[in-house]
Amino acid sequence: MKPWLILYLFAVNITAFALFGADKRKARRNAWRISEKALFLSAVLGGSLGAMVGMRVFHHKTKHWYFVFGIPAILVLQIIGCVLITNYL
């Protein structure tokens, strides 16, 4: 795997993890929240593993079915896509 791709995936996963933590902190303080679109976008852009870990660590968005099933589904699709791209390109 290319070094720039590893760096990108590391950065986007850390960002997704941090977004879930920041949104949980804001929720507890009744402050302005990070939109659900932004949380999902961080997962779609390659941070699905970081988002999933953030959900578990911060116990955030775990009662919303579309996060509970959506984030892992995005991760599975990304893994399948990586395998297909790696094997066929």
N, C-alpha and C. Protein backbone atom coordinates (compact mmCIF):
# COMPACT_ATOMS: atom_id res chain seq x y z
N MET A 1 0.85 -1.18 0.00
CA MET A 1 0.00 0.00 0.00
C MET A 1 0.89 1.24 0.00
N LYS A 2 0.46 2.25 -0.70
CA LYS A 2 1.23 3.49 -0.83
C LYS A 2 1.31 4.22 0.51
N PRO A 3 2.49 4.80 0.81
CA PRO A 3 2.66 5.53 2.08
C PRO A 3 1.70 6.70 2.24
N TRP A 4 1.39 7.41 1.15
CA TRP A 4 0.48 8.55 1.25
C TRP A 4 -0.93 8.07 1.58
N LEU A 5 -1.31 6.88 1.10
CA LEU A 5 -2.63 6.34 1.39
C LEU A 5 -2.73 5.92 2.85
N ILE A 6 -1.68 5.33 3.37
CA ILE A 6 -1.66 4.95 4.78
C ILE A 6 -1.77 6.20 5.66
N LEU A 7 -1.04 7.24 5.31
CA LEU A 7 -1.09 8.50 6.06
C LEU A 7 -2.49 9.11 6.00
N TYR A 8 -3.10 9.09 4.81
CA TYR A 8 -4.45 9.63 4.65
C TYR A 8 -5.44 8.86 5.52
N LEU A 9 -5.41 7.53 5.45
CA LEU A 9 -6.34 6.72 6.22
C LEU A 9 -6.14 6.91 7.72
N PHE A 10 -4.89 7.03 8.15
CA PHE A 10 -4.62 7.29 9.55
C PHE A 10 -5.24 8.63 9.97
N ALA A 11 -5.01 9.66 9.17
CA ALA A 11 -5.51 11.00 9.50
C ALA A 11 -7.04 11.05 9.51
N VAL A 12 -7.68 10.44 8.52
CA VAL A 12 -9.14 10.51 8.45
C VAL A 12 -9.79 9.68 9.56
N ASN A 13 -9.16 8.58 9.96
CA ASN A 13 -9.70 7.78 11.06
C ASN A 13 -9.53 8.48 12.40
N ILE A 14 -8.41 9.13 12.60
CA ILE A 14 -8.21 9.92 13.83
C ILE A 14 -9.22 11.06 13.87
N THR A 15 -9.46 11.69 12.73
CA THR A 15 -10.42 12.79 12.64
C THR A 15 -11.83 12.30 12.96
N ALA A 16 -12.23 11.17 12.39
CA ALA A 16 -13.56 10.61 12.65
C ALA A 16 -13.72 10.28 14.13
N PHE A 17 -12.70 9.65 14.71
CA PHE A 17 -12.73 9.33 16.13
C PHE A 17 -12.89 10.59 16.97
N ALA A 18 -12.12 11.61 16.64
CA ALA A 18 -12.17 12.88 17.38
C ALA A 18 -13.52 13.57 17.22
N LEU A 19 -14.11 13.49 16.03
CA LEU A 19 -15.42 14.11 15.81
C LEU A 19 -16.49 13.47 16.70
N PHE A 20 -16.46 12.15 16.83
CA PHE A 20 -17.43 11.49 17.69
C PHE A 20 -17.21 11.88 19.14
N GLY A 21 -15.96 11.99 19.56
CA GLY A 21 -15.67 12.42 20.93
C GLY A 21 -16.10 13.85 21.18
N ALA A 22 -15.82 14.73 20.23
CA ALA A 22 -16.19 16.14 20.38
C ALA A 22 -17.71 16.29 20.41
N ASP A 23 -18.41 15.54 19.56
CA ASP A 23 -19.87 15.66 19.54
C ASP A 23 -20.47 15.14 20.84
N LYS A 24 -19.92 14.09 21.40
CA LYS A 24 -20.41 13.58 22.67
C LYS A 24 -20.19 14.62 23.78
N ARG A 25 -19.02 15.24 23.77
CA ARG A 25 -18.74 16.28 24.78
C ARG A 25 -19.71 17.44 24.63
N LYS A 26 -19.99 17.83 23.38
CA LYS A 26 -20.93 18.93 23.14
C LYS A 26 -22.35 18.54 23.55
N ALA A 27 -22.71 17.29 23.35
CA ALA A 27 -24.04 16.82 23.74
C ALA A 27 -24.22 16.90 25.25
N ARG A 28 -23.21 16.54 25.98
CA ARG A 28 -23.29 16.61 27.45
C ARG A 28 -23.41 18.04 27.95
N ARG A 29 -22.82 18.97 27.21
CA ARG A 29 -22.83 20.38 27.63
C ARG A 29 -23.96 21.19 27.01
N ASN A 30 -24.84 20.53 26.26
CA ASN A 30 -25.90 21.22 25.53
C ASN A 30 -25.37 22.33 24.64
N ALA A 31 -24.26 22.10 24.01
CA ALA A 31 -23.62 23.08 23.13
C ALA A 31 -23.99 22.77 21.68
N TRP A 32 -23.53 23.63 20.78
CA TRP A 32 -23.73 23.43 19.36
C TRP A 32 -23.12 22.10 18.97
N ARG A 33 -23.85 21.30 18.18
CA ARG A 33 -23.45 19.93 17.86
C ARG A 33 -22.86 19.81 16.47
N ILE A 34 -22.12 18.75 16.27
CA ILE A 34 -21.61 18.38 14.95
C ILE A 34 -22.75 17.64 14.25
N SER A 35 -23.01 17.99 13.01
CA SER A 35 -24.14 17.39 12.30
C SER A 35 -23.91 15.90 12.05
N GLU A 36 -25.01 15.17 11.97
CA GLU A 36 -24.91 13.74 11.66
C GLU A 36 -24.34 13.53 10.27
N LYS A 37 -24.62 14.46 9.36
CA LYS A 37 -24.04 14.38 8.02
C LYS A 37 -22.52 14.41 8.08
N ALA A 38 -21.98 15.29 8.91
CA ALA A 38 -20.53 15.40 9.04
C ALA A 38 -19.94 14.13 9.65
N LEU A 39 -20.64 13.55 10.62
CA LEU A 39 -20.16 12.30 11.23
C LEU A 39 -20.15 11.18 10.20
N PHE A 40 -21.22 11.06 9.42
CA PHE A 40 -21.26 10.04 8.37
C PHE A 40 -20.24 10.32 7.28
N LEU A 41 -20.06 11.58 6.93
CA LEU A 41 -19.10 11.93 5.89
C LEU A 41 -17.69 11.52 6.28
N SER A 42 -17.35 11.70 7.55
CA SER A 42 -16.02 11.29 8.00
C SER A 42 -15.83 9.78 7.82
N ALA A 43 -16.89 9.01 8.00
CA ALA A 43 -16.81 7.56 7.79
C ALA A 43 -16.71 7.22 6.31
N VAL A 44 -17.52 7.88 5.50
CA VAL A 44 -17.53 7.62 4.06
C VAL A 44 -16.18 7.97 3.41
N LEU A 45 -15.53 8.98 3.92
CA LEU A 45 -14.25 9.41 3.35
C LEU A 45 -13.09 8.51 3.75
N GLY A 46 -13.38 7.43 4.46
CA GLY A 46 -12.34 6.47 4.82
C GLY A 46 -12.14 6.30 6.30
N GLY A 47 -12.90 7.02 7.12
CA GLY A 47 -12.73 6.96 8.56
C GLY A 47 -13.74 6.08 9.26
N SER A 48 -14.24 5.07 8.58
CA SER A 48 -15.29 4.23 9.17
C SER A 48 -14.79 3.47 10.39
N LEU A 49 -13.56 3.01 10.38
CA LEU A 49 -13.03 2.30 11.54
C LEU A 49 -12.89 3.25 12.74
N GLY A 50 -12.37 4.44 12.50
CA GLY A 50 -12.27 5.44 13.57
C GLY A 50 -13.63 5.85 14.10
N ALA A 51 -14.61 5.96 13.20
CA ALA A 51 -15.97 6.30 13.62
C ALA A 51 -16.57 5.20 14.48
N MET A 52 -16.35 3.95 14.07
CA MET A 52 -16.89 2.83 14.82
C MET A 52 -16.24 2.72 16.21
N VAL A 53 -14.95 2.91 16.26
CA VAL A 53 -14.26 2.88 17.56
C VAL A 53 -14.73 4.06 18.42
N GLY A 54 -14.90 5.24 17.80
CA GLY A 54 -15.40 6.40 18.53
C GLY A 54 -16.78 6.18 19.10
N MET A 55 -17.64 5.50 18.34
CA MET A 55 -18.98 5.19 18.84
C MET A 55 -18.90 4.34 20.09
N ARG A 56 -18.01 3.37 20.07
CA ARG A 56 -17.90 2.45 21.21
C ARG A 56 -17.21 3.10 22.40
N VAL A 57 -16.12 3.80 22.17
CA VAL A 57 -15.36 4.41 23.26
C VAL A 57 -16.17 5.48 23.97
N PHE A 58 -16.83 6.34 23.18
CA PHE A 58 -17.57 7.46 23.76
C PHE A 58 -19.04 7.13 24.02
N HIS A 59 -19.47 5.92 23.67
CA HIS A 59 -20.87 5.51 23.81
C HIS A 59 -21.78 6.57 23.19
N HIS A 60 -21.45 6.90 21.94
CA HIS A 60 -22.16 7.98 21.26
C HIS A 60 -22.82 7.47 20.00
N LYS A 61 -24.07 7.85 19.81
CA LYS A 61 -24.89 7.46 18.66
C LYS A 61 -25.16 5.96 18.63
N THR A 62 -25.04 5.30 19.75
CA THR A 62 -25.24 3.85 19.79
C THR A 62 -26.72 3.46 19.88
N LYS A 63 -27.61 4.43 20.07
CA LYS A 63 -29.04 4.14 20.10
C LYS A 63 -29.71 4.48 18.78
N HIS A 64 -28.95 5.01 17.84
CA HIS A 64 -29.49 5.35 16.53
C HIS A 64 -29.18 4.20 15.57
N TRP A 65 -30.23 3.52 15.10
CA TRP A 65 -30.03 2.33 14.27
C TRP A 65 -29.23 2.64 13.01
N TYR A 66 -29.40 3.84 12.46
CA TYR A 66 -28.69 4.16 11.22
C TYR A 66 -27.20 4.34 11.45
N PHE A 67 -26.77 4.62 12.66
CA PHE A 67 -25.35 4.63 12.98
C PHE A 67 -24.88 3.22 13.33
N VAL A 68 -25.66 2.51 14.12
CA VAL A 68 -25.28 1.17 14.57
C VAL A 68 -25.09 0.23 13.38
N PHE A 69 -25.94 0.35 12.36
CA PHE A 69 -25.81 -0.51 11.19
C PHE A 69 -25.08 0.18 10.04
N GLY A 70 -25.20 1.50 9.94
CA GLY A 70 -24.63 2.23 8.82
C GLY A 70 -23.11 2.30 8.83
N ILE A 71 -22.53 2.61 9.98
CA ILE A 71 -21.08 2.74 10.06
C ILE A 71 -20.39 1.40 9.78
N PRO A 72 -20.80 0.30 10.41
CA PRO A 72 -20.18 -0.99 10.05
C PRO A 72 -20.40 -1.38 8.59
N ALA A 73 -21.57 -1.03 8.02
CA ALA A 73 -21.83 -1.33 6.62
C ALA A 73 -20.87 -0.56 5.72
N ILE A 74 -20.61 0.68 6.05
CA ILE A 74 -19.64 1.47 5.29
C ILE A 74 -18.26 0.82 5.37
N LEU A 75 -17.88 0.38 6.57
CA LEU A 75 -16.57 -0.28 6.75
C LEU A 75 -16.48 -1.53 5.89
N VAL A 76 -17.51 -2.36 5.90
CA VAL A 76 -17.51 -3.59 5.10
C VAL A 76 -17.39 -3.26 3.62
N LEU A 77 -18.16 -2.28 3.15
CA LEU A 77 -18.08 -1.89 1.75
C LEU A 77 -16.69 -1.36 1.39
N GLN A 78 -16.07 -0.62 2.29
CA GLN A 78 -14.73 -0.10 2.03
C GLN A 78 -13.71 -1.23 1.98
N ILE A 79 -13.84 -2.21 2.85
CA ILE A 79 -12.93 -3.36 2.83
C ILE A 79 -13.09 -4.14 1.54
N ILE A 80 -14.34 -4.39 1.14
CA ILE A 80 -14.60 -5.10 -0.12
C ILE A 80 -14.02 -4.32 -1.29
N GLY A 81 -14.23 -3.00 -1.30
CA GLY A 81 -13.68 -2.17 -2.36
C GLY A 81 -12.17 -2.23 -2.42
N CYS A 82 -11.52 -2.20 -1.26
CA CYS A 82 -10.05 -2.28 -1.23
C CYS A 82 -9.56 -3.62 -1.75
N VAL A 83 -10.24 -4.70 -1.36
CA VAL A 83 -9.85 -6.03 -1.83
C VAL A 83 -10.02 -6.12 -3.33
N LEU A 84 -11.14 -5.64 -3.84
CA LEU A 84 -11.38 -5.70 -5.28
C LEU A 84 -10.35 -4.86 -6.05
N ILE A 85 -10.09 -3.67 -5.57
CA ILE A 85 -9.13 -2.80 -6.25
C ILE A 85 -7.74 -3.40 -6.20
N THR A 86 -7.36 -3.94 -5.06
CA THR A 86 -6.03 -4.53 -4.91
C THR A 86 -5.85 -5.76 -5.79
N ASN A 87 -6.87 -6.58 -5.90
CA ASN A 87 -6.78 -7.81 -6.67
C ASN A 87 -6.95 -7.64 -8.17
N TYR A 88 -7.67 -6.61 -8.58
CA TYR A 88 -8.00 -6.51 -10.00
C TYR A 88 -7.36 -5.33 -10.70
N LEU A 89 -6.63 -4.51 -10.02
CA LEU A 89 -5.94 -3.39 -10.68
C LEU A 89 -4.45 -3.55 -10.60
